[in-house]
Protein backbone atom coordinates (compact mmCIF):
# COMPACT_ATOMS: atom_id res chain seq x y z
CA MET A 1 0.00 0.00 0.00
CA LYS A 2 1.52 3.31 -1.11
CA LEU A 3 1.33 6.08 1.47
CA GLN A 4 1.55 9.78 0.74
CA GLU A 5 4.55 11.72 2.01
CA GLU A 6 3.75 14.49 4.49
CA PRO A 7 5.13 18.04 4.20
CA PRO A 8 7.35 19.20 7.09
CA SER A 9 4.61 21.34 8.67
CA LEU A 10 2.24 18.36 8.81
CA ILE A 11 4.99 16.17 10.20
CA ARG A 12 5.51 18.61 13.08
CA ARG A 13 1.79 18.78 13.80
CA SER A 14 1.39 15.02 13.59
CA THR A 15 4.29 14.54 16.00
CA LEU A 16 2.63 16.88 18.49
CA SER A 17 -0.68 15.05 18.13
CA CYS A 18 1.05 11.73 18.80
CA PHE A 19 2.70 13.19 21.89
CA ALA A 20 -0.73 14.37 23.01
CA VAL A 21 -2.10 10.83 22.64
CA ALA A 22 0.86 9.44 24.61
CA ALA A 23 0.30 12.07 27.31
CA ILE A 24 -3.40 11.17 27.60
CA THR A 25 -2.53 7.51 27.99
CA TRP A 26 0.19 8.23 30.53
CA ILE A 27 -2.08 10.44 32.62
CA ILE A 28 -4.84 7.82 32.72
CA GLY A 29 -2.33 5.08 33.52
CA ALA A 30 -0.74 7.22 36.24
CA THR A 31 -4.19 7.84 37.71
CA VAL A 32 -4.83 4.09 37.87
CA VAL A 33 -1.46 3.63 39.58
CA TYR A 34 -2.09 6.47 42.03
CA VAL A 35 -5.52 5.20 43.06
CA LYS A 36 -4.21 1.69 43.65
CA LEU A 37 -1.28 3.02 45.67
CA MET A 38 -3.58 5.26 47.68
CA ARG A 39 -5.79 2.29 48.57
CA HIS A 40 -2.75 0.32 49.78
CA SER A 41 -0.83 2.89 51.84
CA PHE A 42 1.43 3.77 48.87
CA ASP A 43 3.25 0.45 49.07
CA PRO A 44 4.69 -0.24 45.57
CA LEU A 45 5.06 -3.94 46.39
CA ILE A 46 1.28 -4.25 46.03
CA PHE A 47 2.00 -4.26 42.27
CA ALA A 48 4.32 -7.29 42.61
CA GLU A 49 1.55 -9.87 42.34
CA ILE A 50 0.86 -12.75 39.93
CA ASP A 51 3.81 -12.85 37.48
CA GLY A 52 4.88 -9.40 38.66
CA TYR A 53 6.23 -11.14 41.75
CA PHE A 54 8.83 -12.87 39.56
CA VAL A 55 9.69 -9.65 37.70
CA TYR A 56 10.45 -7.98 41.04
CA HIS A 57 12.59 -10.83 42.39
CA LEU A 58 14.47 -11.22 39.10
CA ALA A 59 15.32 -7.52 39.12
CA GLN A 60 16.58 -7.82 42.71
CA SER A 61 18.71 -10.85 41.87
CA LEU A 62 20.55 -9.46 38.86
CA PRO A 63 23.22 -10.05 37.77
CA SER A 64 23.40 -13.43 39.53
CA LEU A 65 19.80 -14.55 38.77
CA ASN A 66 19.88 -16.31 42.14
CA ALA A 67 16.21 -15.60 42.91
CA ASP A 68 13.52 -17.54 44.71
CA LEU A 69 11.57 -18.70 41.65
CA ASP A 70 9.33 -21.71 41.08
CA LEU A 71 10.64 -22.28 37.55
CA PRO A 72 13.85 -20.24 37.19
CA ALA A 73 14.46 -20.81 33.48
CA TYR A 74 10.83 -20.14 32.57
CA ARG A 75 10.58 -16.94 34.61
CA ALA A 76 14.04 -15.66 33.66
CA GLN A 77 13.38 -15.84 29.92
CA ARG A 78 11.33 -12.61 30.34
CA ILE A 79 14.42 -10.72 31.38
CA LEU A 80 14.10 -7.29 29.75
CA LEU A 81 11.82 -5.60 32.29
CA PRO A 82 13.82 -6.88 35.31
CA PHE A 83 17.04 -5.86 33.52
CA LEU A 84 15.81 -2.30 33.00
CA ALA A 85 14.66 -2.00 36.62
CA ALA A 86 17.70 -3.63 38.27
CA PRO A 87 19.99 -0.54 38.28
CA PHE A 88 17.53 1.33 40.55
CA GLY A 89 18.45 -0.76 43.60
CA ALA A 90 16.17 0.00 46.54
CA PHE A 91 13.76 1.76 44.18
CA ILE A 92 13.20 -1.29 41.96
CA PRO A 93 9.46 -1.55 42.82
CA TRP A 94 8.95 2.07 41.76
CA ALA A 95 11.17 1.63 38.70
CA ILE A 96 9.07 -1.27 37.37
CA ILE A 97 5.91 0.81 37.71
CA GLY A 98 7.59 3.77 36.00
CA ILE A 99 8.96 1.67 33.13
CA ASN A 100 5.52 0.20 32.46
CA LEU A 101 3.96 3.67 32.51
CA CYS A 102 6.53 4.89 30.01
CA ALA A 103 5.95 1.81 27.85
CA LEU A 104 2.21 2.46 27.97
CA ALA A 105 2.75 5.97 26.59
CA ALA A 106 5.40 4.84 24.09
CA GLY A 107 3.17 2.10 22.68
CA SER A 108 0.29 4.55 22.32
CA TYR A 109 2.59 7.01 20.53
CA ALA A 110 3.75 4.32 18.09
CA LEU A 111 0.19 3.21 17.36
CA ALA A 112 -0.83 6.83 16.79
CA ARG A 113 2.05 7.15 14.27
CA ILE A 114 0.90 4.03 12.48
CA ALA A 115 -2.66 5.38 12.31
CA LEU A 116 -1.47 8.72 10.92
CA ARG A 117 0.55 7.01 8.20
CA HIS A 118 -2.70 5.44 7.06
CA GLN A 119 -4.59 8.76 7.12
CA LEU A 120 -6.53 7.99 10.30
CA SER A 121 -6.86 9.87 13.59
CA PRO A 122 -3.93 9.49 15.97
CA LEU A 123 -6.48 9.06 18.79
CA ILE A 124 -6.57 5.40 17.78
CA GLY A 125 -3.34 5.16 19.76
CA VAL A 126 -5.17 5.40 23.09
CA VAL A 127 -6.62 1.90 22.65
CA PHE A 128 -3.20 0.40 23.39
CA GLY A 129 -3.09 2.04 26.80
CA LEU A 130 -6.79 1.74 27.64
CA TRP A 131 -7.32 -1.86 26.56
CA ILE A 132 -8.34 -3.67 29.73
CA GLY A 133 -5.43 -6.11 29.38
CA SER A 134 -2.95 -3.21 29.38
CA LEU A 135 -4.50 -1.76 32.54
CA PHE A 136 -4.37 -5.17 34.21
CA ALA A 137 -0.72 -5.59 33.19
CA LEU A 138 0.07 -2.14 34.55
CA GLN A 139 -1.35 -3.02 37.97
CA PHE A 140 0.54 -6.28 38.38
CA ASN A 141 4.00 -5.39 36.99
CA LEU A 142 3.45 -7.69 34.01
CA THR A 143 5.63 -7.66 30.90
CA GLU A 144 3.01 -7.39 28.13
CA ILE A 145 3.00 -3.58 28.00
CA LEU A 146 6.75 -3.36 27.35
CA THR A 147 6.61 -6.32 24.95
CA TYR A 148 3.95 -4.96 22.63
CA ALA A 149 5.10 -1.36 22.88
CA LEU A 150 8.36 -2.61 21.35
CA VAL A 151 6.38 -4.56 18.73
CA LEU A 152 4.40 -1.44 17.80
CA TRP A 153 7.57 0.59 17.50
CA GLY A 154 8.99 -2.15 15.30
CA ILE A 155 5.95 -1.93 13.04
CA ALA A 156 6.11 1.88 13.03
CA LEU A 157 9.74 1.74 11.88
CA TYR A 158 9.24 -1.09 9.41
CA GLU A 159 6.48 0.61 7.43
CA PRO A 160 8.72 3.52 6.33
CA GLN A 161 11.30 0.96 5.15
CA ARG A 162 13.60 0.75 8.18
CA PRO A 163 13.79 -3.03 8.61
CA ALA A 164 17.05 -3.25 10.59
CA PRO A 165 16.00 -1.15 13.62
CA ALA A 166 12.54 -2.72 13.41
CA ALA A 167 14.05 -6.20 13.61
CA LEU A 168 16.16 -5.18 16.59
CA LEU A 169 13.04 -3.95 18.41
CA PHE A 170 11.30 -7.26 17.68
CA GLY A 171 14.34 -9.00 19.15
CA LEU A 172 14.10 -6.92 22.33
CA ALA A 173 10.36 -7.65 22.51
CA VAL A 174 11.15 -11.38 22.57
CA LEU A 175 13.39 -10.74 25.58
CA ALA A 176 10.47 -9.01 27.29
CA LYS A 177 8.13 -11.93 26.60
CA GLU A 178 8.74 -14.94 24.39
CA THR A 179 5.32 -14.77 22.68
CA ALA A 180 6.50 -11.70 20.70
CA ILE A 181 8.41 -14.16 18.52
CA LEU A 182 5.19 -14.62 16.55
CA TYR A 183 5.64 -11.13 15.09
CA SER A 184 9.23 -11.86 14.07
CA ILE A 185 8.10 -15.08 12.42
CA ALA A 186 5.24 -13.27 10.67
CA PHE A 187 7.66 -10.81 9.05
CA ILE A 188 10.15 -13.50 8.08
CA ILE A 189 7.54 -15.80 6.50
CA SER A 190 5.85 -12.99 4.60
CA HIS A 191 9.08 -11.96 2.87
CA ILE A 192 10.46 -15.35 1.91
CA ARG A 193 9.52 -14.81 -1.74
CA THR A 194 10.13 -11.06 -1.96
CA GLN A 195 13.49 -10.40 -0.31
CA SER A 196 17.03 -11.65 -0.85
CA TRP A 197 18.39 -14.25 1.50
CA ARG A 198 20.92 -11.71 2.86
CA ARG A 199 18.20 -9.30 3.94
CA GLN A 200 16.20 -12.19 5.34
CA ALA A 201 19.23 -13.48 7.25
CA LEU A 202 19.93 -10.03 8.72
CA PHE A 203 16.31 -9.57 9.79
CA GLY A 204 16.23 -13.06 11.32
CA LEU A 205 19.54 -12.50 13.12
CA LEU A 206 18.39 -9.23 14.67
CA SER A 207 14.85 -10.33 15.52
CA LEU A 208 15.49 -13.92 16.64
CA GLY A 209 19.15 -13.82 17.64
CA PRO A 210 18.80 -12.06 21.04
CA GLY A 211 16.12 -14.49 22.20
CA ALA A 212 18.07 -17.51 20.96
CA LEU A 213 21.25 -16.36 22.72
CA TRP A 214 19.35 -15.79 25.96
CA GLN A 215 17.77 -19.25 25.77
CA LEU A 216 21.26 -20.73 25.38
CA THR A 217 22.37 -18.72 28.42
CA LEU A 218 19.47 -20.13 30.43
CA ILE A 219 20.49 -23.65 29.45
CA ALA A 220 24.01 -22.92 30.70
CA LEU A 221 22.71 -21.43 33.97
CA PHE A 222 19.79 -23.72 34.79
CA GLY A 223 20.25 -26.80 32.64
CA GLN A 224 17.17 -26.11 30.50
CA SER A 225 15.70 -23.40 28.33
CA GLY A 226 12.75 -21.28 29.33
CA LEU A 227 10.67 -22.86 26.57
CA THR A 228 11.12 -26.40 27.88
CA ALA A 229 10.61 -25.25 31.47
CA ALA A 230 7.17 -23.97 30.48
CA PHE A 231 5.93 -27.57 30.38
CA GLN A 232 6.70 -27.94 34.09
CA ALA A 233 4.33 -25.19 35.22
CA GLY A 234 2.69 -27.44 37.77
CA ALA A 235 -0.87 -27.56 36.40
CA PRO A 236 -2.34 -31.01 35.63
CA ALA A 237 -1.40 -32.20 32.15
CA ASN A 238 -5.02 -32.38 31.00
CA ARG A 239 -5.41 -28.65 31.72
CA MET A 240 -2.32 -27.69 29.73
CA PHE A 241 -3.50 -29.00 26.37
CA PRO A 242 -3.99 -26.34 23.69
CA PHE A 243 -7.54 -24.98 23.29
CA THR A 244 -8.63 -26.15 26.76
CA GLY A 245 -9.11 -22.52 27.76
CA LEU A 246 -11.57 -22.01 24.93
CA LEU A 247 -13.37 -25.27 25.71
CA THR A 248 -13.64 -24.82 29.48
CA THR A 249 -14.54 -21.12 29.61
CA PRO A 250 -18.31 -21.77 29.02
CA MET A 251 -18.32 -23.89 32.18
CA ARG A 252 -17.64 -20.83 34.33
CA ALA A 253 -20.09 -18.15 35.53
CA PRO A 254 -22.28 -16.80 32.68
CA ASP A 255 -21.13 -13.18 33.03
CA PHE A 256 -17.48 -14.27 32.91
CA TRP A 257 -17.64 -16.51 29.87
CA ILE A 258 -19.80 -14.06 27.91
CA VAL A 259 -17.30 -11.25 28.51
CA GLN A 260 -14.36 -13.53 27.73
CA ALA A 261 -16.05 -14.85 24.59
CA LEU A 262 -16.81 -11.32 23.38
CA TRP A 263 -13.48 -9.62 24.04
CA ILE A 264 -10.93 -12.44 24.04
CA PHE A 265 -12.01 -15.35 21.85
CA ALA A 266 -14.22 -13.57 19.28
CA PRO A 267 -11.45 -11.12 18.25
CA SER A 268 -8.93 -13.97 18.23
CA LEU A 269 -11.16 -16.09 16.02
CA GLY A 270 -11.72 -13.09 13.76
CA ALA A 271 -7.97 -12.46 13.53
CA ALA A 272 -7.23 -16.11 12.74
CA CYS A 273 -9.92 -16.26 10.02
CA TRP A 274 -8.90 -12.92 8.53
CA GLY A 275 -5.26 -13.98 8.50
CA LEU A 276 -6.03 -17.38 6.97
CA ILE A 277 -8.10 -15.88 4.17
CA ALA A 278 -5.40 -13.28 3.54
CA VAL A 279 -2.51 -15.76 3.30
CA LEU A 280 -4.53 -17.91 0.90
CA ARG A 281 -4.74 -14.93 -1.44
CA ASP A 282 -1.52 -14.51 -3.39
CA ARG A 283 -1.54 -10.70 -3.14
CA GLU A 284 -1.83 -10.67 0.66
CA ARG A 285 0.48 -13.61 1.29
CA THR A 286 3.52 -11.33 1.29
CA SER A 287 2.02 -8.92 3.83
CA PRO A 288 3.36 -9.39 7.38
CA VAL A 289 0.05 -8.22 8.86
CA SER A 290 -1.68 -11.28 7.34
CA TRP A 291 0.67 -13.67 9.10
CA ALA A 292 0.59 -11.63 12.33
CA LEU A 293 -3.20 -11.96 12.39
CA LEU A 294 -3.12 -15.69 11.73
CA LEU A 295 -0.35 -16.59 14.18
CA ASN A 296 -1.48 -14.41 17.08
CA GLY A 297 -5.16 -15.31 16.60
CA LEU A 298 -4.35 -19.02 16.75
CA PHE A 299 -2.06 -18.46 19.72
CA VAL A 300 -4.80 -16.89 21.88
CA LEU A 301 -7.42 -19.43 20.76
CA ALA A 302 -5.03 -22.22 21.78
CA LEU A 303 -4.47 -20.95 25.34
CA PRO A 304 -4.63 -23.70 27.99
CA ALA A 305 -7.18 -23.61 30.80
CA PRO A 306 -4.97 -21.92 33.48
CA SER A 307 -4.47 -18.90 31.18
CA CYS A 308 -8.23 -18.36 30.88
CA GLU A 309 -9.39 -18.69 34.48
CA TYR A 310 -9.33 -14.94 35.12
CA MET A 311 -9.70 -11.92 32.85
CA VAL A 312 -6.47 -10.51 34.21
CA HIS A 313 -4.67 -13.45 32.56
CA SER A 314 -6.48 -13.79 29.24
CA ALA A 315 -6.95 -10.05 28.61
CA ARG A 316 -3.29 -9.17 28.98
CA ILE A 317 -2.26 -12.13 26.79
CA ALA A 318 -4.84 -11.02 24.19
CA LEU A 319 -2.91 -7.77 23.78
CA ALA A 320 -1.03 -9.69 21.07
CA VAL A 321 -4.27 -9.96 19.06
CA VAL A 322 -5.37 -6.41 19.86
CA VAL A 323 -2.14 -5.07 18.35
CA ALA A 324 -2.42 -7.26 15.24
CA LEU A 325 -6.08 -6.43 14.60
CA THR A 326 -5.63 -2.70 15.21
CA TRP A 327 -2.69 -2.66 12.81
CA ALA A 328 -4.72 -4.52 10.18
CA ILE A 329 -7.76 -2.24 10.60
CA THR A 330 -5.67 0.93 10.24
CA ARG A 331 -4.41 -0.40 6.89
CA ILE A 332 -8.01 -0.52 5.63
CA GLN A 333 -8.02 3.29 6.00
CA HIS A 334 -11.75 3.38 6.77
CA PRO A 335 -12.50 5.84 9.63
CA VAL A 336 -15.90 4.34 10.52
CA ILE A 337 -14.48 0.81 10.84
CA ALA A 338 -11.56 2.12 12.89
CA LEU A 339 -13.91 4.08 15.18
CA ALA A 340 -16.15 1.04 15.69
CA TRP A 341 -13.15 -1.13 16.52
CA CYS A 342 -11.84 1.40 19.04
CA GLY A 343 -15.26 1.61 20.67
CA PHE A 344 -15.39 -2.16 20.89
CA LEU A 345 -11.96 -2.31 22.56
CA LEU A 346 -12.85 0.38 25.09
CA ALA A 347 -16.24 -1.12 25.95
CA PRO A 348 -14.85 -3.40 28.73
CA LEU A 349 -14.09 -0.24 30.71
CA THR A 350 -17.83 0.08 31.28
CA VAL A 351 -18.32 -3.62 32.13
CA PHE A 352 -15.88 -4.06 34.99
CA SER A 353 -16.30 -2.38 38.36
CA PRO A 354 -13.48 -0.14 39.66
CA ASP A 355 -12.35 -2.99 41.92
CA ALA A 356 -11.36 -4.90 38.79
CA TYR A 357 -8.60 -2.32 38.38
CA PHE A 358 -7.87 -1.13 41.89
């Protein structure tokens, strides 16, 4: 898709509008953080819950990685957020919160830039920060915000033909959370027939190399990679099969499974179908967005049961699909469709009570 070049004056104004979107997202995120802190005597460790507990202890343990973890190799593979917070020493709990707030704003800025390149309103960028999964991740020191902010920046750099820095950002995203590898794979597969093997090798080295090197380091440190350690998560084997989350969700309370079906599985199914249809068409087969839709849609649909027991789990994981679908919808360049999609993504804010966030 050929995009029109903007004159310098429009570039300056568009940059300011993207900063405004990032500022809106940051302010709302900071308000969520402030309210939660106020309700818990301003103790930042209240954010170190669920997987955020492991982020905090990993940051404290660096550089030795001698932390009290249930599955050291599995937890340590998501090293980027702990690595960024580790230099702050006694202020690590505050640093993790601050890094996630900055990532929330940065991801919104990148999405606003992507929207502008496709002649849409930069306000679309707020959906990254206000998606319920992002707000959940913010409150529990989870790694999804940083991961998909890096992915969005990779996309924002790739579209104006800057593949090398984009690939490096995808590689960093994999270090934040291993599931970001689906975006790297989407780009590599889509360009098998259209790019030289040298360019493909460079993109693969930059986007997959950091994660591969870190997995080898984990093998040296712990005797196994983070990917193999994932199969020792402790849940019964029959609950870890793919698609068991989708199959067991209807057995839960009606209000829960309806909300999860509407905002987690329906978009994922839509992304998988859209991506499959696109890759079957020769013209769209070389578009990375087609493969990103297919791979991330199938990934969320295939979640095991433990990942779908609470909205805080499934919604933050579904950020992978939210990013892919929002990117695909901006490329359609249809304002009404984009507005409807944004409204759909923000609708959960009216469904959940404040206690769901605070």
